[in-house]
């Protein structure tokens, strides 16, 4: 029996991000939106995360992502629960295993 191995949303996210960063580490999109178990997270990828992604892409693009979290800056979170409708953070780390879906929104330079 053949087993079909499907990629986790986090694996697909990392592969897409690898293709979306410029060589200097800049995003080619406005914001990253992550759909998680606790809410919708919107922010910009952190510089350290961007550089590590680029370094991995320049080394071996087939290598899986070694980190457990994604670093986001200038973050807003729209929580699913009613007790905390939304929150803002300068920096937030999200476990990649908690990512259920994602979107890249806007072009660089758009608000």
Protein backbone atom coordinates (compact mmCIF):
# COMPACT_ATOMS: atom_id res chain seq x y z
CA UNK A 1 0.00 0.00 0.00
CA UNK A 2 1.36 3.42 -0.93
CA UNK A 3 1.27 6.09 1.73
CA UNK A 4 0.69 9.63 0.56
CA UNK A 5 2.68 12.11 2.60
CA UNK A 6 1.10 15.55 2.72
CA UNK A 7 3.06 18.61 3.74
CA UNK A 8 2.07 20.36 6.94
CA UNK A 9 0.95 24.00 6.59
CA UNK A 10 4.17 25.08 8.31
CA UNK A 11 6.30 23.25 5.71
CA UNK A 12 4.39 24.95 2.90
CA UNK A 13 4.74 28.31 4.67
CA UNK A 14 8.52 27.96 4.99
CA UNK A 15 8.84 26.93 1.33
CA UNK A 16 6.80 29.96 0.24
CA UNK A 17 8.74 32.32 2.50
CA UNK A 18 12.02 31.04 1.08
CA UNK A 19 10.84 32.20 -2.34
CA UNK A 20 9.38 35.49 -1.07
CA UNK A 21 12.41 37.10 0.56
CA UNK A 22 14.81 39.28 -1.39
CA UNK A 23 18.55 38.48 -1.06
CA UNK A 24 18.81 41.25 1.57
CA UNK A 25 16.06 39.65 3.67
CA UNK A 26 13.26 42.09 2.80
CA UNK A 27 9.74 40.75 2.40
CA UNK A 28 8.21 40.92 -1.06
CA UNK A 29 4.80 41.13 0.64
CA UNK A 30 3.20 43.52 3.11
CA UNK A 31 2.13 41.26 5.99
CA UNK A 32 2.05 37.61 6.86
CA UNK A 33 -1.27 36.36 8.19
CA UNK A 34 -1.27 33.13 10.20
CA UNK A 35 -4.40 31.23 11.14
CA UNK A 36 -3.75 29.49 14.45
CA UNK A 37 -5.74 27.65 17.11
CA UNK A 38 -5.99 30.81 19.24
CA UNK A 39 -6.70 33.43 16.56
CA UNK A 40 -5.62 35.26 13.44
CA UNK A 41 -2.09 36.67 13.68
CA UNK A 42 -0.93 39.45 11.35
CA UNK A 43 2.62 40.80 11.28
CA UNK A 44 5.95 41.11 9.49
CA UNK A 45 8.61 38.45 9.69
CA UNK A 46 11.52 39.22 11.97
CA UNK A 47 14.97 39.93 10.51
CA UNK A 48 16.64 36.96 12.23
CA UNK A 49 13.96 34.62 10.90
CA UNK A 50 14.28 36.10 7.39
CA UNK A 51 18.05 35.71 7.35
CA UNK A 52 17.91 32.13 8.61
CA UNK A 53 15.36 31.32 5.91
CA UNK A 54 17.59 32.85 3.24
CA UNK A 55 20.64 30.98 4.55
CA UNK A 56 18.71 27.71 4.39
CA UNK A 57 17.55 28.50 0.86
CA UNK A 58 21.14 29.18 -0.24
CA UNK A 59 22.32 25.94 1.33
CA UNK A 60 19.85 23.15 0.73
CA UNK A 61 16.30 24.13 -0.21
CA UNK A 62 15.08 20.61 0.56
CA UNK A 63 16.24 20.73 4.16
CA UNK A 64 13.35 21.02 6.58
CA UNK A 65 13.11 24.08 8.80
CA UNK A 66 15.03 23.50 12.03
CA UNK A 67 13.20 26.02 14.20
CA UNK A 68 10.02 25.52 16.19
CA UNK A 69 8.76 29.11 15.99
CA UNK A 70 8.35 31.97 13.56
CA UNK A 71 9.27 35.46 14.73
CA UNK A 72 6.86 38.27 13.81
CA UNK A 73 7.15 42.02 14.40
CA UNK A 74 4.44 44.70 14.64
CA UNK A 75 1.82 42.06 15.36
CA UNK A 76 -1.92 42.19 15.83
CA UNK A 77 -3.84 39.16 17.05
CA UNK A 78 -7.58 38.76 16.64
CA UNK A 79 -8.39 36.16 19.27
CA UNK A 80 -11.18 33.65 18.71
CA UNK A 81 -12.27 33.87 22.34
CA UNK A 82 -14.48 36.73 23.54
CA UNK A 83 -12.50 37.62 26.66
CA UNK A 84 -9.64 39.13 24.63
CA UNK A 85 -10.90 40.39 21.28
CA UNK A 86 -7.61 41.71 19.93
CA UNK A 87 -4.09 42.50 21.04
CA UNK A 88 -0.98 44.20 19.66
CA UNK A 89 2.63 43.20 20.23
CA UNK A 90 5.99 44.59 19.14
CA UNK A 91 7.25 41.02 18.72
CA UNK A 92 5.50 37.66 18.90
CA UNK A 93 6.77 34.12 18.45
CA UNK A 94 4.30 31.58 17.08
CA UNK A 95 4.87 27.83 17.19
CA UNK A 96 5.00 26.52 13.63
CA UNK A 97 3.09 23.42 14.75
CA UNK A 98 0.17 25.73 15.62
CA UNK A 99 -0.08 27.21 12.11
CA UNK A 100 -3.22 25.88 10.43
CA UNK A 101 -3.21 28.23 7.44
CA UNK A 102 -1.53 31.38 6.16
CA UNK A 103 -1.67 34.21 3.65
CA UNK A 104 0.78 36.76 2.28
CA UNK A 105 -0.99 40.11 2.02
CA UNK A 106 -0.07 43.22 0.04
CA UNK A 107 3.07 44.27 -1.75
CA UNK A 108 6.13 45.83 -0.18
CA UNK A 109 5.47 49.54 0.30
CA UNK A 110 1.70 49.17 0.70
CA UNK A 111 0.05 49.81 4.05
